[in-house]
Amino acid sequence: MNRFRGENYVIVRPSLTRDKRLNTVHSLARFSWQKGKLASSRLANMSAISTECYASDLNEMNILVDPDSGEITVVVDWTGASILPFGFALYALESALGSMGSSGWIWFDNVDDLRDTFWKAFREQTGLSNLQTRLIKLAGKAGILIRYGTAYDSGLSGMIGVRDSNTEDFTYLDALLF
């Protein structure tokens, strides 16, 4: 069986150094832009947000990373991919900036540096305006709400909600939005 190069981010995340985490968020910015761009000249001139082909289950298990560099090598599991406003998948950025433990969400010590690196790399690659960037960040918040605020339903296609419908656990929402 052929195997993609890289390891699941959730597995290598604890061992990544600061520089490797910076590489991860930098390559996540590149991935986010490359998978969602139309024609860069067209998107750069748009005053509103665009759409993207979105992996419905973009999570730490489906992002493979080179453990030696921290670079994303591939994103797997595109089953149920759909077209959504550009930025809905940015919950993956927040997931790359910390992890959920038994006592709740824990941000990495350099979370602000990591987040700033992502947005700097993203803006450099896209040339988007401040307004477009704000709209993409807003779409990212909407993606977090759908991803972690709605219950999983195997009968629905597209973006997957992961909350257990039998509980009122909103730990991820509390961590990623507030």
Protein backbone atom coordinates (compact mmCIF):
# COMPACT_ATOMS: atom_id res chain seq x y z
CA MET A 1 0.00 0.00 0.00
CA ASN A 2 1.29 3.46 -0.88
CA ARG A 3 1.70 5.84 2.01
CA PHE A 4 1.77 9.61 1.98
CA ARG A 5 4.91 11.27 3.30
CA GLY A 6 4.51 12.77 6.77
CA GLU A 7 2.95 11.99 10.12
CA ASN A 8 -0.39 12.99 11.60
CA TYR A 9 -0.11 16.46 13.07
CA VAL A 10 -1.85 15.34 16.26
CA ILE A 11 0.98 12.84 16.84
CA VAL A 12 3.97 15.07 16.08
CA ARG A 13 2.51 18.26 17.58
CA PRO A 14 3.94 17.71 21.10
CA SER A 15 7.48 17.19 19.79
CA LEU A 16 7.61 20.14 17.39
CA THR A 17 9.97 22.95 18.35
CA ARG A 18 8.99 26.61 18.10
CA ASP A 19 10.58 26.91 14.63
CA LYS A 20 8.84 23.76 13.38
CA ARG A 21 5.49 25.08 14.63
CA LEU A 22 6.19 28.31 12.75
CA ASN A 23 6.82 26.19 9.64
CA THR A 24 3.52 24.39 10.21
CA VAL A 25 1.44 27.57 10.39
CA HIS A 26 3.37 29.08 7.46
CA SER A 27 2.62 26.03 5.30
CA LEU A 28 -0.99 26.06 6.55
CA ALA A 29 -1.27 29.62 5.24
CA ARG A 30 0.11 28.49 1.88
CA PHE A 31 -2.25 25.49 1.79
CA SER A 32 -5.27 27.63 2.74
CA TRP A 33 -4.55 30.03 -0.08
CA GLN A 34 -3.57 27.51 -2.75
CA LYS A 35 -6.60 25.30 -2.31
CA GLY A 36 -9.00 28.18 -2.28
CA LYS A 37 -7.71 30.57 -4.87
CA LEU A 38 -9.43 31.16 -8.15
CA ALA A 39 -7.29 33.38 -10.33
CA SER A 40 -5.17 35.48 -7.99
CA SER A 41 -5.68 38.64 -10.02
CA ARG A 42 -9.45 38.21 -9.88
CA LEU A 43 -9.56 37.46 -6.15
CA ALA A 44 -7.21 40.28 -5.22
CA ASN A 45 -9.61 42.77 -6.79
CA MET A 46 -12.77 41.40 -5.21
CA SER A 47 -14.43 43.48 -2.51
CA ALA A 48 -16.22 40.51 -1.00
CA ILE A 49 -15.22 37.06 0.13
CA SER A 50 -14.72 34.21 -2.32
CA THR A 51 -15.53 30.52 -2.02
CA GLU A 52 -13.26 27.52 -1.63
CA CYS A 53 -13.32 23.78 -2.07
CA TYR A 54 -13.35 22.71 1.54
CA ALA A 55 -12.27 19.40 3.09
CA SER A 56 -15.22 18.62 5.33
CA ASP A 57 -13.10 17.06 8.08
CA LEU A 58 -9.93 19.16 8.17
CA ASN A 59 -8.41 18.17 11.50
CA GLU A 60 -5.13 17.21 13.14
CA MET A 61 -5.47 13.58 12.02
CA ASN A 62 -5.95 14.52 8.36
CA ILE A 63 -3.05 16.97 8.15
CA LEU A 64 0.26 15.16 7.60
CA VAL A 65 3.42 16.99 8.64
CA ASP A 66 7.11 16.32 8.06
CA PRO A 67 8.35 15.79 11.64
CA ASP A 68 11.83 17.04 10.69
CA SER A 69 10.67 20.41 9.36
CA GLY A 70 7.09 20.92 10.56
CA GLU A 71 5.98 21.52 6.94
CA ILE A 72 2.59 20.16 5.88
CA THR A 73 3.14 17.41 3.33
CA VAL A 74 -0.45 16.55 2.42
CA VAL A 75 -4.05 16.85 3.58
CA VAL A 76 -6.01 13.60 3.35
CA ASP A 77 -9.70 12.64 3.56
CA TRP A 78 -11.52 14.86 1.11
CA THR A 79 -14.70 12.77 1.37
CA GLY A 80 -17.70 15.09 1.54
CA ALA A 81 -15.75 18.10 0.24
CA SER A 82 -17.97 21.09 -0.45
CA ILE A 83 -17.88 24.70 -1.61
CA LEU A 84 -18.10 27.20 1.27
CA PRO A 85 -17.11 30.81 1.90
CA PHE A 86 -13.36 31.22 1.87
CA GLY A 87 -12.09 30.96 5.45
CA PHE A 88 -14.57 28.44 6.90
CA ALA A 89 -11.72 25.92 7.24
CA LEU A 90 -9.63 28.25 9.40
CA TYR A 91 -10.65 26.34 12.52
CA ALA A 92 -7.67 24.22 11.44
CA LEU A 93 -5.42 27.20 12.20
CA GLU A 94 -6.75 27.50 15.75
CA SER A 95 -6.37 23.74 16.20
CA ALA A 96 -2.71 24.06 15.17
CA LEU A 97 -2.07 26.66 17.88
CA GLY A 98 -2.82 24.49 20.88
CA SER A 99 -4.41 21.23 21.98
CA MET A 100 -7.24 19.88 24.06
CA GLY A 101 -6.15 18.09 27.21
CA SER A 102 -8.01 16.54 30.12
CA SER A 103 -8.18 19.92 31.86
CA GLY A 104 -9.31 21.82 28.76
CA TRP A 105 -7.72 23.73 25.91
CA ILE A 106 -4.05 24.69 26.23
CA TRP A 107 -2.57 27.29 23.86
CA PHE A 108 1.10 27.00 22.91
CA ASP A 109 3.34 29.49 24.72
CA ASN A 110 4.01 31.38 21.49
CA VAL A 111 0.41 31.33 20.20
CA ASP A 112 0.40 35.02 19.28
CA ASP A 113 3.64 34.65 17.33
CA LEU A 114 2.26 31.59 15.52
CA ARG A 115 -1.02 33.32 14.65
CA ASP A 116 0.81 36.45 13.47
CA THR A 117 3.12 34.29 11.32
CA PHE A 118 0.11 32.64 9.68
CA TRP A 119 -1.59 35.93 8.83
CA LYS A 120 1.64 37.56 7.66
CA ALA A 121 2.39 34.61 5.35
CA PHE A 122 -1.22 34.54 4.17
CA ARG A 123 -1.28 38.26 3.35
CA GLU A 124 2.10 38.03 1.58
CA GLN A 125 0.87 35.20 -0.62
CA THR A 126 -2.54 36.65 -1.40
CA GLY A 127 -2.16 40.40 -1.52
CA LEU A 128 -5.62 40.68 0.02
CA SER A 129 -6.86 43.97 1.45
CA ASN A 130 -7.55 44.59 5.14
CA LEU A 131 -11.30 44.30 4.44
CA GLN A 132 -10.89 40.97 2.65
CA THR A 133 -8.73 39.66 5.48
CA ARG A 134 -11.33 40.74 8.06
CA LEU A 135 -14.06 38.95 6.08
CA ILE A 136 -11.95 35.79 5.90
CA LYS A 137 -11.35 35.94 9.68
CA LEU A 138 -15.11 36.35 10.20
CA ALA A 139 -15.78 33.34 7.97
CA GLY A 140 -13.25 31.47 10.11
CA LYS A 141 -15.31 32.24 13.23
CA ALA A 142 -18.43 30.97 11.44
CA GLY A 143 -16.52 27.80 10.56
CA ILE A 144 -15.61 27.31 14.23
CA LEU A 145 -19.27 27.74 15.20
CA ILE A 146 -20.40 25.13 12.68
CA ARG A 147 -17.54 22.72 13.34
CA TYR A 148 -17.68 22.73 17.14
CA GLY A 149 -21.19 24.02 17.80
CA THR A 150 -23.23 21.58 15.74
CA ALA A 151 -23.68 17.90 16.39
CA TYR A 152 -22.30 15.26 14.07
CA ASP A 153 -24.91 13.81 11.71
CA SER A 154 -23.82 11.04 9.33
CA GLY A 155 -26.76 11.88 7.06
CA LEU A 156 -25.42 15.33 6.24
CA SER A 157 -22.77 16.00 3.65
CA GLY A 158 -20.38 18.91 3.61
CA MET A 159 -18.88 20.54 6.66
CA ILE A 160 -18.92 18.12 9.60
CA GLY A 161 -20.06 19.19 13.04
CA VAL A 162 -18.19 17.23 15.70
CA ARG A 163 -20.10 18.00 18.89
CA ASP A 164 -21.68 15.01 20.63
CA SER A 165 -25.44 15.54 20.46
CA ASN A 166 -25.85 13.73 23.79
CA THR A 167 -23.85 16.28 25.76
CA GLU A 168 -23.78 20.01 26.28
CA ASP A 169 -20.01 20.18 26.01
CA PHE A 170 -18.92 23.39 24.31
CA THR A 171 -15.29 23.26 25.47
CA TYR A 172 -13.89 23.84 21.98
CA LEU A 173 -16.19 26.80 21.37
CA ASP A 174 -15.25 28.32 24.72
CA ALA A 175 -11.56 27.92 23.90
CA LEU A 176 -11.52 28.98 20.26
CA LEU A 177 -14.04 31.82 20.32
CA PHE A 178 -13.87 33.42 23.75
